[in-house]
Amino acid sequence: MKHIVTVLLMLCLYGTAISQNTFTATIKDKDSKEALFGVSVYFPQLEKGASTDSMGKVSIDDIPSGIYTILVTHLGYESIELQQSFPLGEELILLMEHGHEEMEEVLVTSTRSGRTIEDVPTRVEVIAGEELAEKGNMKPGDIRMLLNESTGIQTQQTSATSYNSSIRIQGLDGKYTQLLRDGLPLYSGYSGGLSLMQIAPLDLKQVEVIKGASSTLYGGGAIAGLVNLISKTPGEDRELNFMVNGTSALGLDLSGFYSERYGKIGTTVFASYNKGTAYDPAGIGLTAIPEFERYTINPRMFWYLDEATEINLGFNFTTENRLGGNMDYIEGKSSSGYFESNETDRLSTQFDATHRFSDHSRIQVKNSISFFDRSIAIPNYVSAENRFLPFQN
């Protein structure tokens, strides 16, 4: 009996021994055939792994018989995933290829001029990409946050009741800053006033800023500098974005943007609704944030006649009612008290036709027609103004 137990025990030990295997491999660079040091070899099912030595060799013990997945990874090389049956017949030799990474396409566009940056007499700063998206998410209702964090630009609040703001470049008053849209003066003479509060950033592709006198190229409104807002254009893929934002002061921002290209025709549509509730956080009876309601619609059509000729046409319409001042007056509890009311209607058209003769020569025709109607009222005073401004270039 004792001999039988001994024999069975030896058979068990022998069976266990033959069921455990050792994985050995040599890993080299596919091109140079040089041994690779520090390559990671891992068995996910067994949660076992090891790294290659200076000779490119790796050894992992106690591998049960069976079929296992092996992951081979190394910095700068393409990963290898293979399945291997154990026990192994012979040592493996693995060749790793260098990793290949492709950068995303970087498209740099500008307006007004096709000159190289060395030939441009003024410095142009561009806000685009992730920075533009980040600032737009932080303040989706207007572009104050977008501009205020740029060096040399300050958005200054000019009215405590209407929350009006203007753009100051290098310390000069806001009336000396020109605000353009796709190179066109769509915001007429009030570019430094309420229009700053009426522009949502969701449909912007980039923002160009010129600091310093630029009145020779852009007119008398650009004595301090200018801000050029570049809109998105249809790309190869359809784009559909929505943004919803709510604030603790009971504010609401709803924005939507759509763009698509159908062969030789493309379109973009931007629409937004912004609402603010009169807010008095200090409890002094005067609004820190006025009551306002704004609607914006901006559709554009693009015609690509051929590779050298492009035409786009669009219009922008904005209407807003803004009321700030005494809280009791705004809430209808009193018929007296200080208030400031701004009612704004703005309609502007865009036309741009471009034909390129070569990479260095082109002819471009631009035209815009703007209609601006604004009414400002304070106790015992009402001011109304409307403007009709054609522009062509």
Protein backbone atom coordinates (compact mmCIF):
# COMPACT_ATOMS: atom_id res chain seq x y z
CA MET A 1 0.00 0.00 0.00
CA LYS A 2 2.83 2.36 0.89
CA HIS A 3 4.49 1.75 -2.46
CA ILE A 4 1.24 2.48 -4.33
CA VAL A 5 0.83 5.88 -2.59
CA THR A 6 4.45 6.78 -3.40
CA VAL A 7 3.98 5.92 -7.06
CA LEU A 8 0.77 7.97 -7.31
CA LEU A 9 2.43 10.97 -5.67
CA MET A 10 5.34 10.80 -8.09
CA LEU A 11 2.96 10.60 -11.02
CA CYS A 12 1.11 13.71 -9.78
CA LEU A 13 4.33 15.64 -9.38
CA TYR A 14 5.48 14.54 -12.82
CA GLY A 15 2.16 15.56 -14.37
CA THR A 16 2.36 18.95 -12.69
CA ALA A 17 5.91 19.42 -13.86
CA ILE A 18 5.17 18.63 -17.48
CA SER A 19 2.09 20.92 -17.47
CA GLN A 20 4.18 24.00 -16.54
CA ASN A 21 6.15 25.62 -19.37
CA THR A 22 8.65 28.42 -19.84
CA PHE A 23 8.18 31.14 -22.44
CA THR A 24 11.41 32.45 -23.96
CA ALA A 25 11.78 34.93 -26.80
CA THR A 26 14.24 37.32 -28.40
CA ILE A 27 12.89 40.66 -29.58
CA LYS A 28 14.70 42.80 -32.18
CA ASP A 29 14.23 45.92 -34.28
CA LYS A 30 12.80 44.90 -37.66
CA ASP A 31 14.99 47.27 -39.66
CA SER A 32 18.35 47.16 -37.87
CA LYS A 33 17.94 43.67 -36.34
CA GLU A 34 19.39 45.06 -33.10
CA ALA A 35 18.19 43.66 -29.76
CA LEU A 36 15.61 45.83 -27.94
CA PHE A 37 15.96 46.47 -24.22
CA GLY A 38 12.97 47.03 -21.95
CA VAL A 39 10.28 45.55 -24.20
CA SER A 40 7.19 44.60 -22.17
CA VAL A 41 5.78 41.07 -22.68
CA TYR A 42 2.47 40.32 -20.96
CA PHE A 43 0.01 37.41 -20.69
CA PRO A 44 -3.41 38.98 -19.93
CA GLN A 45 -5.12 35.67 -18.99
CA LEU A 46 -2.37 34.74 -16.53
CA GLU A 47 -1.59 38.31 -15.40
CA LYS A 48 2.09 37.57 -15.86
CA GLY A 49 4.72 39.59 -17.61
CA ALA A 50 8.37 40.54 -17.89
CA SER A 51 10.75 42.83 -19.80
CA THR A 52 13.63 42.07 -22.13
CA ASP A 53 17.23 42.38 -20.99
CA SER A 54 20.10 44.11 -22.79
CA MET A 55 20.33 41.13 -25.17
CA GLY A 56 16.65 41.45 -26.09
CA LYS A 57 15.77 38.20 -24.34
CA VAL A 58 12.79 37.58 -22.05
CA SER A 59 11.82 34.53 -20.03
CA ILE A 60 8.55 33.83 -18.16
CA ASP A 61 8.15 30.62 -16.14
CA ASP A 62 5.14 28.60 -14.95
CA ILE A 63 3.04 28.85 -18.09
CA PRO A 64 0.35 26.11 -18.05
CA SER A 65 -0.29 24.20 -21.25
CA GLY A 66 -2.89 25.79 -23.47
CA ILE A 67 -3.42 28.69 -25.90
CA TYR A 68 -2.73 32.23 -24.64
CA THR A 69 -2.69 35.78 -25.98
CA ILE A 70 0.67 37.58 -25.73
CA LEU A 71 0.98 41.38 -25.83
CA VAL A 72 4.35 42.89 -26.77
CA THR A 73 4.70 46.67 -26.34
CA HIS A 74 7.59 49.12 -26.47
CA LEU A 75 7.75 52.92 -26.60
CA GLY A 76 8.15 54.14 -30.17
CA TYR A 77 7.18 50.80 -31.73
CA GLU A 78 3.97 49.27 -33.00
CA SER A 79 2.44 46.86 -30.49
CA ILE A 80 2.32 43.13 -31.30
CA GLU A 81 -0.57 40.88 -30.27
CA LEU A 82 -0.29 37.17 -30.98
CA GLN A 83 -1.71 33.86 -29.81
CA GLN A 84 0.64 31.02 -28.91
CA SER A 85 0.04 27.40 -27.99
CA PHE A 86 1.99 25.87 -25.11
CA PRO A 87 4.20 23.93 -24.78
CA LEU A 88 6.39 25.80 -27.27
CA GLY A 89 8.36 23.95 -29.86
CA GLU A 90 11.26 26.44 -29.91
CA GLU A 91 12.28 29.92 -28.79
CA LEU A 92 10.43 32.78 -30.52
CA ILE A 93 12.14 35.61 -32.40
CA LEU A 94 9.92 38.71 -32.71
CA LEU A 95 10.63 41.75 -34.90
CA MET A 96 9.04 45.10 -33.95
CA GLU A 97 8.31 47.91 -36.40
CA HIS A 98 8.78 51.59 -35.58
CA GLY A 99 5.56 53.40 -34.69
CA HIS A 100 4.15 55.83 -37.23
CA GLU A 101 1.99 58.74 -36.04
CA GLU A 102 0.19 61.11 -38.36
CA MET A 103 -0.51 64.66 -37.28
CA GLU A 104 -3.95 66.07 -37.82
CA GLU A 105 -4.33 68.48 -40.70
CA VAL A 106 -3.58 72.06 -39.67
CA LEU A 107 -5.39 74.63 -41.80
CA VAL A 108 -4.33 78.26 -41.43
CA THR A 109 -6.58 80.85 -43.06
CA SER A 110 -6.74 84.59 -43.01
CA THR A 111 -8.59 87.42 -44.69
CA ARG A 112 -7.95 90.75 -46.36
CA SER A 113 -4.55 89.92 -47.81
CA GLY A 114 -2.59 87.08 -49.35
CA ARG A 115 0.81 88.43 -48.42
CA THR A 116 3.36 86.45 -46.43
CA ILE A 117 3.81 87.31 -42.76
CA GLU A 118 7.25 88.82 -43.51
CA ASP A 119 5.60 91.37 -45.81
CA VAL A 120 2.78 92.32 -43.45
CA PRO A 121 3.59 95.63 -41.71
CA THR A 122 1.34 94.90 -38.73
CA ARG A 123 1.32 91.99 -36.34
CA VAL A 124 -1.80 89.80 -36.45
CA GLU A 125 -2.63 87.61 -33.45
CA VAL A 126 -4.96 84.65 -33.97
CA ILE A 127 -7.24 82.99 -31.41
CA ALA A 128 -8.41 79.61 -32.69
CA GLY A 129 -8.70 75.91 -31.97
CA GLU A 130 -8.93 74.70 -28.39
CA GLU A 131 -8.47 78.17 -26.92
CA LEU A 132 -11.47 79.47 -28.86
CA ALA A 133 -13.59 76.48 -27.81
CA GLU A 134 -12.54 76.81 -24.17
CA LYS A 135 -13.43 80.50 -23.96
CA GLY A 136 -16.69 79.85 -25.78
CA ASN A 137 -17.68 77.23 -23.22
CA MET A 138 -16.79 79.53 -20.33
CA LYS A 139 -18.96 82.37 -21.67
CA PRO A 140 -21.26 81.06 -24.44
CA GLY A 141 -23.55 84.11 -24.53
CA ASP A 142 -21.04 86.69 -25.84
CA ILE A 143 -17.36 87.19 -26.72
CA ARG A 144 -16.21 89.20 -23.70
CA MET A 145 -14.34 86.29 -22.12
CA LEU A 146 -12.77 85.47 -25.48
CA LEU A 147 -11.21 88.92 -25.82
CA ASN A 148 -10.62 89.88 -22.21
CA GLU A 149 -7.90 87.25 -21.65
CA SER A 150 -5.81 88.41 -24.61
CA THR A 151 -2.79 90.56 -23.81
CA GLY A 152 -3.34 94.23 -24.51
CA ILE A 153 -7.14 93.94 -24.79
CA GLN A 154 -9.60 94.87 -22.08
CA THR A 155 -13.38 94.61 -22.21
CA GLN A 156 -14.60 97.43 -19.98
CA GLN A 157 -18.11 97.68 -18.59
CA THR A 158 -19.39 101.15 -19.44
CA SER A 159 -22.84 101.03 -17.83
CA ALA A 160 -23.72 99.71 -14.40
CA THR A 161 -27.38 99.18 -15.32
CA SER A 162 -27.38 97.99 -18.94
CA TYR A 163 -24.16 95.97 -18.49
CA ASN A 164 -22.86 97.51 -21.71
CA SER A 165 -19.18 96.80 -22.49
CA SER A 166 -16.63 98.15 -24.93
CA ILE A 167 -13.29 96.90 -26.26
CA ARG A 168 -10.21 98.85 -25.25
CA ILE A 169 -6.99 98.05 -27.09
CA GLN A 170 -3.77 99.34 -25.54
CA GLY A 171 -5.73 101.68 -23.28
CA LEU A 172 -7.60 103.64 -25.96
CA ASP A 173 -11.36 104.18 -25.74
CA GLY A 174 -13.68 101.58 -27.23
CA LYS A 175 -14.88 103.90 -30.00
CA TYR A 176 -11.43 103.64 -31.57
CA THR A 177 -11.63 99.84 -31.98
CA GLN A 178 -13.04 98.44 -35.21
CA LEU A 179 -15.03 95.20 -35.07
CA LEU A 180 -15.27 93.24 -38.34
CA ARG A 181 -17.05 90.07 -39.37
CA ASP A 182 -15.25 88.12 -42.11
CA GLY A 183 -13.49 91.34 -43.09
CA LEU A 184 -16.76 93.30 -43.39
CA PRO A 185 -17.91 96.10 -41.04
CA LEU A 186 -21.25 94.45 -40.24
CA TYR A 187 -21.51 96.17 -36.85
CA SER A 188 -21.25 99.68 -38.33
CA GLY A 189 -20.35 102.54 -35.97
CA TYR A 190 -21.44 100.73 -32.81
CA SER A 191 -18.80 98.00 -32.99
CA GLY A 192 -17.44 99.01 -29.59
CA GLY A 193 -20.87 99.17 -27.91
CA LEU A 194 -23.69 96.73 -27.38
CA SER A 195 -22.68 94.60 -30.37
CA LEU A 196 -19.93 93.13 -28.20
CA MET A 197 -22.65 91.73 -25.95
CA GLN A 198 -24.69 90.46 -28.90
CA ILE A 199 -22.17 88.09 -30.52
CA ALA A 200 -22.19 84.41 -29.54
CA PRO A 201 -18.97 82.49 -30.30
CA LEU A 202 -20.36 79.10 -31.39
CA ASP A 203 -20.06 79.77 -35.15
CA LEU A 204 -16.58 81.33 -35.00
CA LYS A 205 -13.61 79.54 -36.56
CA GLN A 206 -10.97 82.00 -35.40
CA VAL A 207 -10.50 85.56 -34.21
CA GLU A 208 -7.83 87.87 -35.63
CA VAL A 209 -6.61 90.78 -33.52
CA ILE A 210 -4.47 93.70 -34.71
CA LYS A 211 -3.18 95.97 -31.95
CA GLY A 212 -2.18 99.43 -32.96
CA ALA A 213 -3.30 102.00 -35.52
CA SER A 214 -4.74 100.33 -38.63
CA SER A 215 -6.94 103.11 -39.97
CA THR A 216 -5.11 103.19 -43.31
CA LEU A 217 -6.32 99.71 -44.23
CA TYR A 218 -9.52 99.44 -42.20
CA GLY A 219 -10.90 102.98 -41.83
CA GLY A 220 -11.03 105.60 -39.11
CA GLY A 221 -12.68 103.27 -36.61
CA ALA A 222 -9.44 101.26 -36.28
CA ILE A 223 -7.24 103.89 -34.63
CA ALA A 224 -6.57 101.63 -31.62
CA GLY A 225 -6.75 98.39 -33.59
CA LEU A 226 -9.33 95.92 -34.80
CA VAL A 227 -10.92 92.56 -34.06
CA ASN A 228 -11.87 90.43 -37.07
CA LEU A 229 -14.31 87.57 -36.36
CA ILE A 230 -13.90 84.74 -38.89
CA SER A 231 -16.98 82.54 -39.31
CA LYS A 232 -16.94 78.81 -39.93
CA THR A 233 -17.37 77.61 -43.52
CA PRO A 234 -18.71 74.28 -44.84
CA GLY A 235 -16.21 71.44 -44.66
CA GLU A 236 -16.08 67.97 -46.14
CA ASP A 237 -18.06 66.57 -43.19
CA ARG A 238 -21.37 67.79 -41.91
CA GLU A 239 -21.16 69.72 -38.65
CA LEU A 240 -24.00 70.06 -36.16
CA ASN A 241 -23.37 71.68 -32.76
CA PHE A 242 -25.71 72.68 -29.96
CA MET A 243 -24.89 74.49 -26.75
CA VAL A 244 -27.15 74.94 -23.73
CA ASN A 245 -25.99 76.99 -20.76
CA GLY A 246 -27.78 78.02 -17.58
CA THR A 247 -26.52 80.32 -14.83
CA SER A 248 -27.21 80.68 -11.12
CA ALA A 249 -28.58 84.14 -11.92
CA LEU A 250 -31.37 82.50 -13.96
CA GLY A 251 -29.71 83.22 -17.30
CA LEU A 252 -30.17 80.97 -20.33
CA ASP A 253 -28.10 80.57 -23.51
CA LEU A 254 -29.26 78.37 -26.38
CA SER A 255 -27.12 78.16 -29.53
CA GLY A 256 -27.10 75.93 -32.57
CA PHE A 257 -24.82 75.70 -35.60
CA TYR A 258 -25.14 73.60 -38.76
CA SER A 259 -22.91 73.40 -41.82
CA GLU A 260 -22.76 71.06 -44.78
CA ARG A 261 -21.52 71.01 -48.35
CA TYR A 262 -23.47 69.46 -51.21
CA GLY A 263 -21.10 69.27 -54.17
CA LYS A 264 -20.76 72.83 -55.47
CA ILE A 265 -23.18 74.27 -52.91
CA GLY A 266 -22.63 74.70 -49.17
CA THR A 267 -24.52 76.30 -46.33
CA THR A 268 -24.08 77.33 -42.72
CA VAL A 269 -26.84 78.31 -40.31
CA PHE A 270 -26.33 79.79 -36.86
CA ALA A 271 -29.15 80.64 -34.45
CA SER A 272 -29.15 81.59 -30.79
CA TYR A 273 -31.49 82.65 -28.02
CA ASN A 274 -30.14 84.43 -24.96
CA LYS A 275 -32.14 85.44 -21.92
CA GLY A 276 -31.14 87.16 -18.71
CA THR A 277 -33.17 87.75 -15.56
CA ALA A 278 -32.75 90.92 -13.54
CA TYR A 279 -30.32 90.05 -10.76
CA ASP A 280 -29.42 92.00 -7.61
CA PRO A 281 -26.94 89.89 -5.57
CA ALA A 282 -26.06 92.77 -3.20
CA GLY A 283 -29.68 93.48 -2.27
CA ILE A 284 -29.36 97.23 -2.93
CA GLY A 285 -32.40 97.45 -5.19
CA LEU A 286 -30.40 97.97 -8.44
CA THR A 287 -29.56 95.38 -11.07
CA ALA A 288 -26.04 94.01 -11.36
CA ILE A 289 -27.26 92.01 -14.38
CA PRO A 290 -30.10 93.55 -16.43
CA GLU A 291 -33.14 91.81 -17.80
CA PHE A 292 -32.70 91.04 -21.49
CA GLU A 293 -33.90 88.80 -24.29
CA ARG A 294 -32.05 88.38 -27.59
CA TYR A 295 -32.64 86.43 -30.82
CA THR A 296 -29.97 85.93 -33.49
CA ILE A 297 -30.10 84.21 -36.88
CA ASN A 298 -27.24 84.05 -39.39
CA PRO A 299 -27.65 81.85 -42.50
CA ARG A 300 -25.07 81.81 -45.32
CA MET A 301 -24.93 80.15 -48.75
CA PHE A 302 -21.75 79.21 -50.62
CA TRP A 303 -21.35 78.51 -54.34
CA TYR A 304 -18.16 76.82 -55.55
CA LEU A 305 -18.33 77.49 -59.30
CA ASP A 306 -14.95 75.87 -59.93
CA GLU A 307 -11.65 75.37 -58.16
CA ALA A 308 -10.76 79.04 -58.58
CA THR A 309 -14.10 80.81 -58.09
CA GLU A 310 -16.18 81.02 -54.93
CA ILE A 311 -19.19 83.14 -53.99
CA ASN A 312 -20.91 83.40 -50.62
CA LEU A 313 -23.97 85.34 -49.56
CA GLY A 314 -25.54 85.70 -46.12
CA PHE A 315 -27.33 87.94 -43.71
CA ASN A 316 -27.28 88.50 -39.98
CA PHE A 317 -30.27 89.57 -37.93
CA THR A 318 -30.21 90.40 -34.22
CA THR A 319 -32.97 91.82 -32.06
CA GLU A 320 -32.65 92.51 -28.34
CA ASN A 321 -34.57 94.21 -25.54
CA ARG A 322 -32.49 95.08 -22.47
CA LEU A 323 -33.73 96.73 -19.28
CA GLY A 324 -31.73 97.51 -16.15
CA GLY A 325 -32.00 99.75 -13.13
CA ASN A 326 -34.40 99.75 -10.17
CA MET A 327 -35.58 96.22 -9.32
CA ASP A 328 -39.07 97.34 -8.27
CA TYR A 329 -39.54 99.15 -11.58
CA ILE A 330 -38.37 96.14 -13.61
CA GLU A 331 -40.60 93.74 -11.67
CA GLY A 332 -43.59 96.09 -12.10
CA LYS A 333 -43.95 96.86 -8.41
CA SER A 334 -43.34 100.59 -8.93
CA SER A 335 -43.91 103.04 -11.77
CA SER A 336 -41.03 105.26 -10.71
CA GLY A 337 -37.32 104.75 -10.20
CA TYR A 338 -34.22 104.86 -12.33
CA PHE A 339 -34.04 102.58 -15.36
CA GLU A 340 -32.11 102.24 -18.60
CA SER A 341 -33.78 100.58 -21.57
CA ASN A 342 -32.01 99.51 -24.79
CA GLU A 343 -33.96 98.18 -27.76
CA THR A 344 -31.80 97.08 -30.66
CA ASP A 345 -32.54 95.75 -34.14
CA ARG A 346 -29.63 94.99 -36.44
CA LEU A 347 -29.75 93.59 -39.98
CA SER A 348 -26.71 93.22 -42.21
CA THR A 349 -25.97 91.39 -45.46
CA GLN A 350 -22.75 89.79 -46.67
CA PHE A 351 -21.55 89.25 -50.23
CA ASP A 352 -18.10 87.98 -51.16
CA ALA A 353 -16.94 86.79 -54.58
CA THR A 354 -13.36 85.60 -55.11
CA HIS A 355 -11.57 84.40 -58.23
CA ARG A 356 -7.98 83.17 -57.99
CA PHE A 357 -5.76 83.53 -61.05
CA SER A 358 -2.81 81.86 -59.31
CA ASP A 359 -1.41 81.26 -55.84
CA HIS A 360 -0.23 84.87 -55.75
CA SER A 361 -2.97 86.80 -57.56
CA ARG A 362 -6.72 87.02 -57.21
CA ILE A 363 -9.62 89.41 -57.58
CA GLN A 364 -12.14 89.80 -54.75
CA VAL A 365 -15.39 91.76 -54.54
CA LYS A 366 -17.03 92.43 -51.16
CA ASN A 367 -20.25 94.16 -50.30
CA SER A 368 -22.35 94.58 -47.18
CA ILE A 369 -25.47 96.57 -46.35
CA SER A 370 -26.23 97.26 -42.69
CA PHE A 371 -29.35 98.60 -41.06
CA PHE A 372 -29.13 99.52 -37.39
CA ASP A 373 -32.03 100.72 -35.24
CA ARG A 374 -31.45 101.50 -31.58
CA SER A 375 -33.57 103.18 -28.93
CA ILE A 376 -32.22 104.18 -25.50
CA ALA A 377 -34.53 105.39 -22.76
CA ILE A 378 -33.87 106.67 -19.22
CA PRO A 379 -36.26 108.64 -17.00
CA ASN A 380 -37.41 111.80 -18.84
CA TYR A 381 -35.18 111.10 -21.84
CA VAL A 382 -35.50 109.00 -25.00
CA SER A 383 -32.90 108.72 -27.76
CA ALA A 384 -33.59 106.89 -31.01
CA GLU A 385 -31.30 106.43 -33.98
CA ASN A 386 -31.28 104.33 -37.11
CA ARG A 387 -28.55 103.98 -39.71
CA PHE A 388 -28.40 102.58 -43.21
CA LEU A 389 -24.79 101.89 -44.17
CA PRO A 390 -23.73 100.37 -47.53
CA PHE A 391 -20.16 99.11 -47.88
CA GLN A 392 -18.34 97.74 -50.89
CA ASN A 393 -14.76 96.92 -51.66
